[in-house]
N, C-alpha and C. Protein backbone atom coordinates (compact mmCIF):
# COMPACT_ATOMS: atom_id res chain seq x y z
N MET A 1 52.59 -116.46 -49.58
CA MET A 1 52.58 -115.69 -48.33
C MET A 1 51.18 -116.05 -47.65
N ILE A 2 51.20 -116.29 -46.42
CA ILE A 2 49.94 -116.56 -45.73
C ILE A 2 49.22 -115.29 -45.51
N SER A 3 47.92 -115.16 -46.07
CA SER A 3 47.18 -113.88 -45.99
C SER A 3 46.36 -113.74 -44.77
N ASP A 4 45.86 -114.88 -44.11
CA ASP A 4 45.01 -114.67 -42.97
C ASP A 4 45.47 -115.58 -41.94
N SER A 5 46.21 -115.17 -41.03
CA SER A 5 46.77 -116.01 -39.93
C SER A 5 45.72 -116.56 -39.02
N ARG A 6 44.49 -115.90 -38.92
CA ARG A 6 43.38 -116.48 -38.23
C ARG A 6 42.83 -117.77 -38.65
N ASN A 7 43.17 -118.15 -39.95
CA ASN A 7 42.79 -119.44 -40.51
C ASN A 7 44.01 -120.34 -40.64
N SER A 8 44.90 -120.18 -39.64
CA SER A 8 46.06 -121.01 -39.57
C SER A 8 46.39 -121.50 -38.11
N VAL A 9 47.33 -122.45 -38.02
CA VAL A 9 47.64 -123.08 -36.78
C VAL A 9 49.17 -122.75 -36.61
N ALA A 10 49.64 -122.37 -35.37
CA ALA A 10 51.07 -122.25 -34.97
C ALA A 10 51.46 -123.48 -34.42
N LEU A 11 52.59 -123.94 -34.83
CA LEU A 11 53.28 -125.18 -34.17
C LEU A 11 54.58 -124.80 -33.75
N ALA A 12 54.89 -125.05 -32.51
CA ALA A 12 56.24 -124.87 -31.95
C ALA A 12 56.82 -126.13 -31.46
N MET A 13 58.07 -126.38 -31.75
CA MET A 13 58.80 -127.54 -31.40
C MET A 13 60.01 -127.14 -30.43
N THR A 14 60.00 -127.61 -29.30
CA THR A 14 61.16 -127.31 -28.28
C THR A 14 62.08 -128.58 -28.35
N GLY A 15 63.00 -128.46 -27.41
CA GLY A 15 64.03 -129.55 -27.43
C GLY A 15 63.79 -130.73 -26.55
N ALA A 16 62.42 -130.97 -26.19
CA ALA A 16 62.13 -132.24 -25.45
C ALA A 16 62.25 -133.28 -26.44
N SER A 17 62.48 -134.59 -25.79
CA SER A 17 62.33 -135.81 -26.62
C SER A 17 61.12 -135.98 -27.16
N GLY A 18 61.01 -136.59 -28.32
CA GLY A 18 59.70 -136.76 -28.91
C GLY A 18 59.47 -135.91 -30.23
N ALA A 19 60.61 -135.78 -30.89
CA ALA A 19 60.46 -134.93 -32.09
C ALA A 19 59.48 -135.70 -33.09
N ALA A 20 59.25 -136.95 -33.13
CA ALA A 20 58.38 -137.60 -34.07
C ALA A 20 56.93 -137.09 -33.90
N TYR A 21 56.60 -136.80 -32.60
CA TYR A 21 55.25 -136.31 -32.41
C TYR A 21 54.91 -134.96 -33.23
N GLY A 22 55.87 -133.99 -33.14
CA GLY A 22 55.71 -132.72 -33.73
C GLY A 22 55.82 -132.83 -35.32
N LEU A 23 56.72 -133.71 -35.79
CA LEU A 23 56.81 -133.84 -37.28
C LEU A 23 55.63 -134.43 -37.88
N ARG A 24 55.17 -135.45 -37.12
CA ARG A 24 53.94 -136.17 -37.66
C ARG A 24 52.76 -135.17 -37.56
N LEU A 25 52.69 -134.39 -36.53
CA LEU A 25 51.68 -133.39 -36.44
C LEU A 25 51.63 -132.47 -37.63
N LEU A 26 52.91 -131.96 -37.87
CA LEU A 26 53.11 -131.00 -39.03
C LEU A 26 52.64 -131.64 -40.27
N GLN A 27 53.04 -132.90 -40.49
CA GLN A 27 52.62 -133.62 -41.82
C GLN A 27 51.11 -133.63 -41.79
N CYS A 28 50.40 -133.96 -40.74
CA CYS A 28 48.96 -134.22 -40.73
C CYS A 28 48.29 -132.88 -40.97
N LEU A 29 48.90 -131.80 -40.31
CA LEU A 29 48.19 -130.39 -40.48
C LEU A 29 48.34 -130.06 -41.92
N LEU A 30 49.43 -130.32 -42.65
CA LEU A 30 49.60 -129.88 -44.00
C LEU A 30 48.65 -130.78 -44.95
N ARG A 31 48.61 -131.90 -44.60
CA ARG A 31 47.72 -132.83 -45.40
C ARG A 31 46.20 -132.50 -45.27
N ALA A 32 45.88 -131.91 -44.13
CA ALA A 32 44.44 -131.50 -43.86
C ALA A 32 44.26 -130.15 -44.53
N GLY A 33 45.22 -129.53 -45.16
CA GLY A 33 45.02 -128.15 -45.82
C GLY A 33 45.25 -127.01 -45.01
N GLU A 34 45.71 -127.23 -43.68
CA GLU A 34 45.87 -126.04 -42.86
C GLU A 34 47.13 -125.21 -43.17
N ARG A 35 47.05 -124.14 -42.98
CA ARG A 35 48.25 -123.13 -43.02
C ARG A 35 48.91 -123.19 -41.70
N VAL A 36 50.29 -123.31 -41.78
CA VAL A 36 51.01 -123.58 -40.54
C VAL A 36 52.21 -122.56 -40.27
N HIS A 37 52.29 -121.97 -39.18
CA HIS A 37 53.33 -121.12 -38.69
C HIS A 37 54.24 -121.91 -37.90
N LEU A 38 55.36 -122.39 -38.24
CA LEU A 38 56.31 -123.25 -37.53
C LEU A 38 57.39 -122.56 -36.89
N MET A 39 57.68 -122.88 -35.58
CA MET A 39 58.80 -122.29 -34.91
C MET A 39 59.59 -123.44 -34.31
N LEU A 40 60.85 -123.35 -34.44
CA LEU A 40 61.74 -124.50 -34.02
C LEU A 40 62.92 -123.86 -33.16
N SER A 41 63.03 -124.35 -31.93
CA SER A 41 64.09 -123.90 -31.19
C SER A 41 65.41 -124.54 -31.68
N LYS A 42 66.57 -124.01 -31.24
CA LYS A 42 67.83 -124.65 -31.64
C LYS A 42 67.95 -126.02 -31.05
N PRO A 43 67.59 -126.20 -29.68
CA PRO A 43 67.67 -127.56 -29.21
C PRO A 43 66.68 -128.59 -29.92
N ALA A 44 65.58 -128.01 -30.45
CA ALA A 44 64.63 -128.85 -31.24
C ALA A 44 65.35 -129.29 -32.53
N GLN A 45 66.09 -128.59 -33.13
CA GLN A 45 66.76 -128.95 -34.23
C GLN A 45 67.77 -129.99 -34.04
N VAL A 46 68.43 -130.01 -32.82
CA VAL A 46 69.41 -131.10 -32.35
C VAL A 46 68.62 -132.28 -32.18
N VAL A 47 67.58 -132.25 -31.38
CA VAL A 47 66.86 -133.54 -31.12
C VAL A 47 66.09 -134.06 -32.37
N ILE A 48 65.73 -133.31 -33.23
CA ILE A 48 65.25 -133.84 -34.53
C ILE A 48 66.24 -134.59 -35.35
N ALA A 49 67.42 -134.12 -35.38
CA ALA A 49 68.45 -134.85 -35.97
C ALA A 49 68.88 -136.14 -35.27
N MET A 50 68.90 -136.04 -33.98
CA MET A 50 69.35 -137.14 -33.13
C MET A 50 68.26 -138.37 -33.21
N GLU A 51 66.94 -137.95 -33.16
CA GLU A 51 65.84 -138.84 -33.05
C GLU A 51 65.31 -139.37 -34.37
N THR A 52 65.44 -138.57 -35.44
CA THR A 52 64.84 -138.87 -36.78
C THR A 52 65.72 -138.93 -37.86
N GLY A 53 67.00 -138.45 -37.63
CA GLY A 53 67.97 -138.29 -38.81
C GLY A 53 67.80 -137.27 -39.70
N ILE A 54 66.70 -136.46 -39.49
CA ILE A 54 66.48 -135.20 -40.41
C ILE A 54 67.36 -134.11 -39.98
N LYS A 55 68.29 -133.70 -40.74
CA LYS A 55 69.23 -132.50 -40.48
C LYS A 55 68.68 -131.28 -41.14
N LEU A 56 68.04 -130.33 -40.42
CA LEU A 56 67.54 -129.09 -40.94
C LEU A 56 68.54 -128.14 -41.20
N SER A 57 68.45 -127.40 -42.23
CA SER A 57 69.39 -126.31 -42.61
C SER A 57 69.28 -125.19 -41.57
N GLY A 58 70.19 -124.29 -41.61
CA GLY A 58 70.17 -123.19 -40.65
C GLY A 58 69.17 -122.12 -40.62
N THR A 59 68.86 -121.73 -41.66
CA THR A 59 68.04 -120.45 -41.79
C THR A 59 66.55 -120.92 -41.91
N PRO A 60 65.61 -119.98 -41.30
CA PRO A 60 64.17 -120.29 -41.37
C PRO A 60 63.69 -120.51 -43.00
N GLN A 61 64.26 -119.87 -43.79
CA GLN A 61 63.84 -120.07 -45.27
C GLN A 61 64.24 -121.38 -45.80
N GLU A 62 65.48 -121.79 -45.39
CA GLU A 62 66.03 -123.08 -45.83
C GLU A 62 65.28 -124.23 -45.21
N MET A 63 64.95 -124.10 -43.89
CA MET A 63 64.02 -125.18 -43.35
C MET A 63 62.70 -125.19 -43.84
N GLU A 64 62.10 -124.11 -44.11
CA GLU A 64 60.77 -123.91 -44.83
C GLU A 64 60.74 -124.71 -46.10
N ALA A 65 61.80 -124.43 -46.99
CA ALA A 65 61.91 -125.18 -48.23
C ALA A 65 62.12 -126.69 -48.02
N GLN A 66 62.97 -127.05 -47.01
CA GLN A 66 63.29 -128.53 -46.74
C GLN A 66 62.13 -129.27 -46.28
N LEU A 67 61.35 -128.66 -45.34
CA LEU A 67 60.22 -129.34 -44.69
C LEU A 67 58.95 -129.38 -45.66
N GLY A 68 58.89 -128.20 -46.39
CA GLY A 68 57.82 -128.07 -47.35
C GLY A 68 57.83 -129.18 -48.39
N ALA A 69 59.14 -129.51 -48.81
CA ALA A 69 59.35 -130.48 -49.90
C ALA A 69 59.09 -131.87 -49.26
N LEU A 70 59.68 -132.01 -48.04
CA LEU A 70 59.48 -133.43 -47.29
C LEU A 70 57.98 -133.77 -47.05
N TYR A 71 57.15 -132.75 -46.81
CA TYR A 71 55.77 -133.06 -46.51
C TYR A 71 54.72 -132.56 -47.52
N ASP A 72 55.29 -132.13 -48.77
CA ASP A 72 54.41 -131.77 -49.96
C ASP A 72 53.56 -130.62 -49.62
N ALA A 73 54.00 -129.65 -49.01
CA ALA A 73 53.25 -128.42 -48.67
C ALA A 73 52.93 -127.60 -50.04
N ARG A 74 51.81 -127.07 -50.10
CA ARG A 74 51.47 -126.15 -51.25
C ARG A 74 52.32 -124.84 -51.03
N ALA A 75 52.34 -124.01 -52.06
CA ALA A 75 53.03 -122.76 -51.94
C ALA A 75 52.37 -121.88 -51.00
N GLY A 76 53.12 -121.29 -50.06
CA GLY A 76 52.53 -120.43 -49.00
C GLY A 76 51.89 -121.15 -47.91
N GLN A 77 51.78 -122.51 -47.88
CA GLN A 77 51.06 -123.10 -46.80
C GLN A 77 51.85 -123.32 -45.59
N LEU A 78 53.11 -123.34 -45.61
CA LEU A 78 54.02 -123.49 -44.50
C LEU A 78 54.93 -122.34 -44.36
N ARG A 79 55.06 -121.66 -43.20
CA ARG A 79 55.94 -120.63 -42.90
C ARG A 79 56.77 -120.91 -41.71
N VAL A 80 58.02 -120.96 -41.76
CA VAL A 80 58.97 -121.25 -40.74
C VAL A 80 59.45 -119.80 -40.19
N TRP A 81 59.48 -119.58 -38.94
CA TRP A 81 59.92 -118.33 -38.35
C TRP A 81 61.09 -118.58 -37.42
N GLY A 82 62.10 -117.64 -37.44
CA GLY A 82 63.19 -117.63 -36.49
C GLY A 82 62.69 -117.12 -35.13
N GLN A 83 63.44 -117.46 -34.07
CA GLN A 83 63.05 -117.14 -32.73
C GLN A 83 63.03 -115.59 -32.39
N ALA A 84 63.79 -114.81 -33.32
CA ALA A 84 63.78 -113.41 -33.09
C ALA A 84 63.14 -112.73 -34.26
N GLN A 85 62.24 -113.39 -34.97
CA GLN A 85 61.49 -112.68 -36.00
C GLN A 85 60.14 -112.14 -35.39
N TRP A 86 60.23 -110.96 -34.76
CA TRP A 86 59.21 -110.44 -34.09
C TRP A 86 58.10 -109.81 -35.05
N SER A 87 58.41 -109.78 -36.35
CA SER A 87 57.40 -109.33 -37.36
C SER A 87 56.46 -110.38 -37.77
N SER A 88 56.68 -111.60 -37.20
CA SER A 88 55.77 -112.61 -37.48
C SER A 88 54.34 -112.31 -37.01
N PRO A 89 53.32 -112.77 -37.75
CA PRO A 89 51.97 -112.58 -37.23
C PRO A 89 51.68 -113.19 -35.87
N VAL A 90 52.36 -114.22 -35.48
CA VAL A 90 52.05 -114.82 -34.17
C VAL A 90 52.36 -114.14 -33.06
N ALA A 91 53.23 -112.95 -33.25
CA ALA A 91 53.64 -112.15 -32.16
C ALA A 91 52.64 -111.15 -31.69
N SER A 92 51.57 -111.05 -32.44
CA SER A 92 50.65 -110.04 -32.21
C SER A 92 49.20 -110.53 -32.11
N GLY A 93 48.37 -109.96 -31.27
CA GLY A 93 47.04 -110.38 -31.18
C GLY A 93 46.22 -110.11 -32.37
N SER A 94 46.68 -109.07 -33.20
CA SER A 94 45.96 -108.76 -34.37
C SER A 94 46.19 -109.73 -35.65
N GLY A 95 47.21 -110.54 -35.36
CA GLY A 95 47.55 -111.57 -36.36
C GLY A 95 47.61 -112.98 -35.83
N ALA A 96 47.08 -113.11 -34.56
CA ALA A 96 47.23 -114.52 -34.00
C ALA A 96 46.51 -115.53 -34.70
N PRO A 97 47.13 -116.68 -34.86
CA PRO A 97 46.45 -117.90 -35.41
C PRO A 97 45.19 -118.31 -34.70
N ARG A 98 44.45 -119.23 -35.20
CA ARG A 98 43.25 -119.69 -34.45
C ARG A 98 43.62 -120.66 -33.34
N ALA A 99 44.78 -121.23 -33.34
CA ALA A 99 45.25 -122.17 -32.34
C ALA A 99 46.84 -122.21 -32.35
N MET A 100 47.32 -122.78 -31.23
CA MET A 100 48.73 -123.01 -31.29
C MET A 100 48.94 -124.29 -30.49
N VAL A 101 50.01 -125.08 -30.90
CA VAL A 101 50.41 -126.35 -30.28
C VAL A 101 51.94 -126.19 -30.02
N VAL A 102 52.30 -126.62 -28.87
CA VAL A 102 53.67 -126.67 -28.54
C VAL A 102 53.89 -128.32 -28.48
N CYS A 103 54.59 -128.82 -29.26
CA CYS A 103 54.80 -130.33 -29.45
C CYS A 103 56.10 -130.71 -30.10
N PRO A 104 56.97 -131.30 -29.23
CA PRO A 104 56.93 -131.49 -27.77
C PRO A 104 57.27 -130.34 -27.01
N CYS A 105 56.70 -130.27 -25.79
CA CYS A 105 56.83 -129.16 -24.93
C CYS A 105 57.79 -129.44 -23.74
N THR A 106 58.85 -128.69 -23.48
CA THR A 106 59.79 -128.91 -22.35
C THR A 106 59.10 -128.37 -21.18
N SER A 107 59.61 -128.78 -20.09
CA SER A 107 59.24 -128.18 -18.71
C SER A 107 59.62 -126.71 -18.69
N ALA A 108 60.72 -126.37 -19.31
CA ALA A 108 61.14 -124.96 -19.33
C ALA A 108 60.10 -124.06 -20.19
N MET A 109 59.63 -124.60 -21.20
CA MET A 109 58.56 -123.91 -22.01
C MET A 109 57.38 -123.89 -21.20
N LEU A 110 56.97 -124.98 -20.52
CA LEU A 110 55.73 -124.93 -19.61
C LEU A 110 55.88 -123.82 -18.58
N SER A 111 57.07 -123.70 -18.02
CA SER A 111 57.26 -122.63 -16.98
C SER A 111 57.14 -121.29 -17.60
N ALA A 112 57.79 -121.12 -18.79
CA ALA A 112 57.84 -119.75 -19.38
C ALA A 112 56.43 -119.32 -19.71
N VAL A 113 55.62 -120.24 -20.19
CA VAL A 113 54.15 -119.83 -20.62
C VAL A 113 53.40 -119.61 -19.29
N ALA A 114 53.57 -120.36 -18.27
CA ALA A 114 52.81 -120.23 -17.06
C ALA A 114 53.05 -118.84 -16.32
N HIS A 115 54.38 -118.33 -16.59
CA HIS A 115 54.69 -117.09 -15.96
C HIS A 115 54.79 -115.85 -16.94
N GLY A 116 54.20 -116.13 -18.06
CA GLY A 116 54.09 -114.92 -19.05
C GLY A 116 55.46 -114.52 -19.67
N GLY A 117 56.38 -115.39 -19.72
CA GLY A 117 57.69 -115.14 -20.36
C GLY A 117 57.49 -114.95 -21.85
N SER A 118 58.13 -113.90 -22.45
CA SER A 118 58.12 -113.84 -23.83
C SER A 118 59.59 -113.42 -24.33
N SER A 119 60.51 -114.36 -23.96
CA SER A 119 61.91 -113.97 -24.34
C SER A 119 62.16 -114.38 -25.75
N ASP A 120 61.41 -115.25 -26.43
CA ASP A 120 61.60 -115.52 -27.80
C ASP A 120 60.23 -115.55 -28.53
N LEU A 121 60.18 -115.83 -29.85
CA LEU A 121 58.95 -115.90 -30.59
C LEU A 121 57.85 -116.82 -30.09
N MET A 122 58.40 -118.17 -29.84
CA MET A 122 57.34 -119.11 -29.46
C MET A 122 56.78 -118.86 -28.10
N GLU A 123 57.59 -118.23 -27.15
CA GLU A 123 56.99 -117.86 -25.86
C GLU A 123 56.01 -116.81 -25.95
N ARG A 124 56.34 -115.79 -26.89
CA ARG A 124 55.39 -114.65 -27.09
C ARG A 124 54.15 -115.23 -27.83
N ALA A 125 54.35 -116.21 -28.76
CA ALA A 125 53.05 -116.62 -29.47
C ALA A 125 52.17 -117.35 -28.48
N ALA A 126 52.78 -118.17 -27.42
CA ALA A 126 51.88 -118.77 -26.55
C ALA A 126 51.23 -117.72 -25.65
N ASP A 127 51.88 -116.74 -25.30
CA ASP A 127 51.48 -115.67 -24.38
C ASP A 127 50.29 -114.95 -25.18
N VAL A 128 50.40 -114.73 -26.51
CA VAL A 128 49.41 -114.09 -27.31
C VAL A 128 48.15 -115.03 -27.33
N ALA A 129 48.40 -116.30 -27.50
CA ALA A 129 47.27 -117.26 -27.64
C ALA A 129 46.43 -117.17 -26.49
N ILE A 130 47.02 -117.12 -25.25
CA ILE A 130 46.30 -117.00 -23.96
C ILE A 130 45.49 -115.71 -23.79
N LYS A 131 46.27 -114.62 -24.13
CA LYS A 131 45.50 -113.31 -24.00
C LYS A 131 44.46 -113.06 -24.88
N GLU A 132 44.51 -113.70 -26.07
CA GLU A 132 43.46 -113.64 -27.11
C GLU A 132 42.47 -114.67 -27.06
N GLN A 133 42.66 -115.55 -26.04
CA GLN A 133 41.68 -116.63 -25.79
C GLN A 133 41.55 -117.63 -26.98
N ARG A 134 42.73 -117.82 -27.57
CA ARG A 134 42.65 -118.85 -28.60
C ARG A 134 43.09 -120.29 -28.01
N LYS A 135 42.81 -121.25 -28.83
CA LYS A 135 43.22 -122.55 -28.37
C LYS A 135 44.72 -122.82 -28.29
N LEU A 136 45.10 -123.23 -27.02
CA LEU A 136 46.60 -123.46 -26.82
C LEU A 136 46.83 -124.91 -26.24
N ILE A 137 47.51 -125.75 -26.90
CA ILE A 137 47.76 -127.06 -26.50
C ILE A 137 49.23 -127.32 -26.30
N LEU A 138 49.56 -127.72 -24.99
CA LEU A 138 50.91 -128.08 -24.66
C LEU A 138 51.14 -129.62 -24.51
N VAL A 139 51.96 -130.11 -25.39
CA VAL A 139 52.22 -131.55 -25.27
C VAL A 139 53.48 -131.84 -24.51
N HIS A 140 53.27 -131.79 -23.24
CA HIS A 140 54.52 -131.83 -22.24
C HIS A 140 55.05 -133.22 -22.34
N ARG A 141 56.45 -133.22 -22.46
CA ARG A 141 57.07 -134.53 -22.59
C ARG A 141 58.16 -134.60 -21.41
N GLU A 142 57.79 -134.99 -20.24
CA GLU A 142 58.61 -135.10 -19.23
C GLU A 142 58.13 -136.12 -18.31
N THR A 143 59.07 -136.93 -17.67
CA THR A 143 58.72 -137.91 -16.67
C THR A 143 60.03 -138.23 -15.75
N PRO A 144 59.74 -138.36 -14.50
CA PRO A 144 58.76 -137.98 -13.68
C PRO A 144 58.43 -136.50 -13.60
N VAL A 145 57.33 -136.09 -13.16
CA VAL A 145 57.05 -134.56 -13.03
C VAL A 145 57.14 -134.16 -11.51
N SER A 146 57.64 -132.92 -11.35
CA SER A 146 57.80 -132.40 -9.97
C SER A 146 56.65 -131.68 -9.63
N ALA A 147 56.61 -131.27 -8.33
CA ALA A 147 55.51 -130.27 -7.90
C ALA A 147 55.52 -128.95 -8.71
N ILE A 148 56.75 -128.57 -8.99
CA ILE A 148 56.87 -127.40 -9.89
C ILE A 148 56.15 -127.45 -11.12
N HIS A 149 56.38 -128.69 -11.87
CA HIS A 149 55.76 -128.86 -13.24
C HIS A 149 54.25 -128.91 -12.96
N LEU A 150 53.78 -129.59 -11.91
CA LEU A 150 52.38 -129.90 -11.69
C LEU A 150 51.68 -128.43 -11.39
N GLU A 151 52.44 -127.55 -10.58
CA GLU A 151 51.79 -126.23 -10.25
C GLU A 151 51.73 -125.38 -11.51
N ASN A 152 52.72 -125.50 -12.34
CA ASN A 152 52.75 -124.71 -13.68
C ASN A 152 51.55 -125.20 -14.55
N ALA A 153 51.36 -126.56 -14.53
CA ALA A 153 50.35 -127.02 -15.42
C ALA A 153 48.87 -126.71 -14.91
N LEU A 154 48.81 -126.73 -13.59
CA LEU A 154 47.49 -126.41 -12.92
C LEU A 154 47.07 -125.01 -13.20
N LYS A 155 48.13 -124.07 -13.10
CA LYS A 155 47.89 -122.68 -13.37
C LYS A 155 47.42 -122.42 -14.85
N LEU A 156 47.98 -123.11 -15.69
CA LEU A 156 47.59 -122.98 -17.13
C LEU A 156 46.29 -123.64 -17.39
N ALA A 157 46.05 -124.77 -16.80
CA ALA A 157 44.79 -125.39 -16.94
C ALA A 157 43.65 -124.55 -16.57
N ARG A 158 43.78 -123.87 -15.44
CA ARG A 158 42.77 -122.92 -15.00
C ARG A 158 42.67 -121.66 -15.86
N LEU A 159 43.64 -121.44 -16.75
CA LEU A 159 43.44 -120.33 -17.72
C LEU A 159 42.82 -120.90 -18.98
N GLY A 160 42.53 -122.21 -19.13
CA GLY A 160 41.91 -122.74 -20.33
C GLY A 160 42.94 -123.46 -21.29
N VAL A 161 44.16 -123.54 -20.87
CA VAL A 161 45.09 -124.17 -21.81
C VAL A 161 44.92 -125.64 -21.71
N THR A 162 45.05 -126.26 -22.84
CA THR A 162 44.89 -127.74 -22.83
C THR A 162 46.23 -128.41 -22.53
N LEU A 163 46.39 -129.13 -21.46
CA LEU A 163 47.58 -129.90 -21.27
C LEU A 163 47.40 -131.32 -21.83
N LEU A 164 48.14 -131.69 -22.80
CA LEU A 164 48.01 -133.05 -23.44
C LEU A 164 49.36 -133.76 -23.55
N PRO A 165 49.63 -134.34 -22.30
CA PRO A 165 50.96 -135.07 -22.24
C PRO A 165 51.09 -136.13 -23.26
N ALA A 166 52.29 -136.35 -23.72
CA ALA A 166 52.72 -137.33 -24.73
C ALA A 166 52.59 -138.75 -24.13
N ASN A 167 51.35 -139.17 -23.77
CA ASN A 167 51.08 -140.46 -23.10
C ASN A 167 50.30 -141.30 -24.16
N PRO A 168 50.93 -142.11 -25.02
CA PRO A 168 50.10 -143.04 -26.03
C PRO A 168 49.40 -144.02 -25.20
N GLY A 169 48.22 -144.44 -25.75
CA GLY A 169 47.40 -145.55 -25.13
C GLY A 169 47.75 -146.80 -25.90
N PHE A 170 47.28 -147.91 -25.33
CA PHE A 170 47.69 -149.19 -25.94
C PHE A 170 46.43 -150.05 -26.20
N TYR A 171 45.29 -149.51 -25.91
CA TYR A 171 44.05 -150.35 -26.16
C TYR A 171 43.81 -150.49 -27.68
N GLN A 172 44.54 -149.82 -28.62
CA GLN A 172 44.40 -150.07 -30.10
C GLN A 172 45.31 -151.19 -30.58
N ASN A 173 46.05 -151.76 -29.61
CA ASN A 173 46.97 -152.80 -30.05
C ASN A 173 47.97 -152.37 -31.04
N PRO A 174 48.83 -151.30 -30.56
CA PRO A 174 49.75 -150.79 -31.55
C PRO A 174 50.84 -151.77 -32.08
N LYS A 175 51.10 -151.74 -33.35
CA LYS A 175 52.06 -152.66 -33.79
C LYS A 175 53.43 -152.07 -34.02
N SER A 176 53.60 -150.77 -33.86
CA SER A 176 54.92 -150.00 -34.22
C SER A 176 54.97 -148.77 -33.46
N ILE A 177 56.08 -148.19 -33.40
CA ILE A 177 56.31 -146.96 -32.83
C ILE A 177 55.45 -145.89 -33.47
N ASP A 178 55.31 -145.96 -34.88
CA ASP A 178 54.50 -145.06 -35.62
C ASP A 178 53.01 -145.18 -35.08
N ASP A 179 52.52 -146.18 -34.60
CA ASP A 179 51.14 -146.29 -34.13
C ASP A 179 50.98 -145.48 -32.74
N LEU A 180 52.11 -145.66 -32.01
CA LEU A 180 52.17 -144.86 -30.65
C LEU A 180 52.11 -143.43 -30.88
N VAL A 181 52.96 -142.98 -31.78
CA VAL A 181 52.99 -141.62 -32.20
C VAL A 181 51.67 -141.13 -32.78
N ASP A 182 51.08 -141.85 -33.60
CA ASP A 182 49.72 -141.43 -34.23
C ASP A 182 48.64 -141.36 -33.09
N PHE A 183 48.80 -142.11 -32.02
CA PHE A 183 47.78 -142.12 -31.01
C PHE A 183 47.67 -140.65 -30.36
N VAL A 184 48.93 -140.13 -30.09
CA VAL A 184 49.04 -138.81 -29.43
C VAL A 184 48.65 -137.70 -30.55
N VAL A 185 49.17 -137.83 -31.67
CA VAL A 185 48.85 -136.86 -32.67
C VAL A 185 47.29 -136.86 -32.96
N ALA A 186 46.67 -137.97 -33.03
CA ALA A 186 45.16 -138.01 -33.22
C ALA A 186 44.47 -137.31 -32.02
N ARG A 187 44.92 -137.33 -30.85
CA ARG A 187 44.29 -136.63 -29.72
C ARG A 187 44.51 -135.11 -29.92
N ILE A 188 45.67 -134.67 -30.44
CA ILE A 188 45.91 -133.33 -30.73
C ILE A 188 44.97 -132.83 -31.85
N LEU A 189 44.79 -133.60 -32.97
CA LEU A 189 44.03 -133.23 -33.96
C LEU A 189 42.50 -133.09 -33.58
N ASP A 190 42.09 -133.94 -32.66
CA ASP A 190 40.70 -133.90 -32.20
C ASP A 190 40.46 -132.61 -31.45
N HIS A 191 41.47 -132.15 -30.60
CA HIS A 191 41.35 -130.85 -29.96
C HIS A 191 41.42 -129.62 -30.82
N LEU A 192 41.87 -129.96 -31.99
CA LEU A 192 41.90 -128.83 -33.00
C LEU A 192 40.75 -128.86 -33.98
N ASP A 193 39.87 -129.84 -33.79
CA ASP A 193 38.68 -129.95 -34.53
C ASP A 193 39.10 -130.34 -36.00
N ILE A 194 40.07 -131.05 -36.26
CA ILE A 194 40.57 -131.48 -37.56
C ILE A 194 40.32 -132.94 -37.81
N ASP A 195 39.61 -133.29 -38.78
CA ASP A 195 39.27 -134.75 -39.17
C ASP A 195 40.47 -135.50 -39.50
N HIS A 196 40.52 -136.75 -39.05
CA HIS A 196 41.64 -137.62 -39.34
C HIS A 196 41.16 -139.09 -39.37
N GLN A 197 42.11 -139.88 -39.85
CA GLN A 197 41.81 -141.43 -39.86
C GLN A 197 42.97 -142.08 -39.28
N LEU A 198 43.66 -141.54 -38.38
CA LEU A 198 44.84 -142.18 -37.75
C LEU A 198 44.62 -143.37 -37.03
N LEU A 199 43.36 -143.46 -36.33
CA LEU A 199 43.11 -144.64 -35.56
C LEU A 199 41.70 -144.82 -35.49
N PRO A 200 41.18 -146.02 -35.23
CA PRO A 200 39.70 -146.22 -35.03
C PRO A 200 39.30 -145.55 -33.63
N ARG A 201 38.19 -144.94 -33.67
CA ARG A 201 37.71 -144.47 -32.33
C ARG A 201 37.13 -145.52 -31.33
N TRP A 202 37.19 -145.17 -30.05
CA TRP A 202 36.68 -146.15 -29.14
C TRP A 202 35.22 -146.40 -29.33
N GLY A 203 34.98 -147.76 -29.34
CA GLY A 203 33.53 -148.13 -29.49
C GLY A 203 33.14 -148.26 -30.98
N SER A 204 34.09 -148.04 -31.90
CA SER A 204 33.75 -148.10 -33.27
C SER A 204 33.86 -149.51 -33.77
N GLY A 205 34.39 -150.41 -32.96
CA GLY A 205 34.48 -151.76 -33.44
C GLY A 205 36.05 -152.11 -33.86
N GLY A 206 36.86 -151.05 -33.88
CA GLY A 206 38.16 -151.28 -34.25
C GLY A 206 39.11 -152.07 -33.30
N GLU A 207 38.53 -152.16 -31.90
CA GLU A 207 39.23 -152.85 -30.93
C GLU A 207 38.90 -154.37 -30.95
N GLU A 208 37.89 -154.83 -31.79
CA GLU A 208 37.49 -156.16 -31.62
C GLU A 208 38.40 -157.10 -32.34
């Protein structure tokens, strides 16, 4: 059981394409020793199966065991919450984690967060992160974007939310899809102040 949610990170995965980003981030967070509160929407489970072949079981407890085994989580390090589990620490300011990441983030989730929607646990967790002035990172995965998306993003940016679109760079000369995924995940970890060795930093000589 996670005893201190303030020393943990919340990770929400929505049904946007880009499941590999969220799963790789989960793996890296667990390897870094972070405690993780994971929330998966039903569409996210569908996209994960489509894009990665990982078929997650139906209940939060089963998914917790499945993902924990897949990524070698320690006992109590990973907690998976259902979208209606309002007793989760992430639903309250008194138990809010130190940071939250939505990866990948749909435009629907972007809109819900921008307008204070709390119709399910992940929307409520994002709302709590904003009101408690905790780090909130939205990895928006949409292209092209409309004026509606841009207005929602601007509203959140002005509130201090980090908008980190899933836009991988190419100056590291990626050799695989995994390299492109790691580029985005590395930027997320940087903003969470979590050390990593996913790619050489600009100016370190790795680009030579």
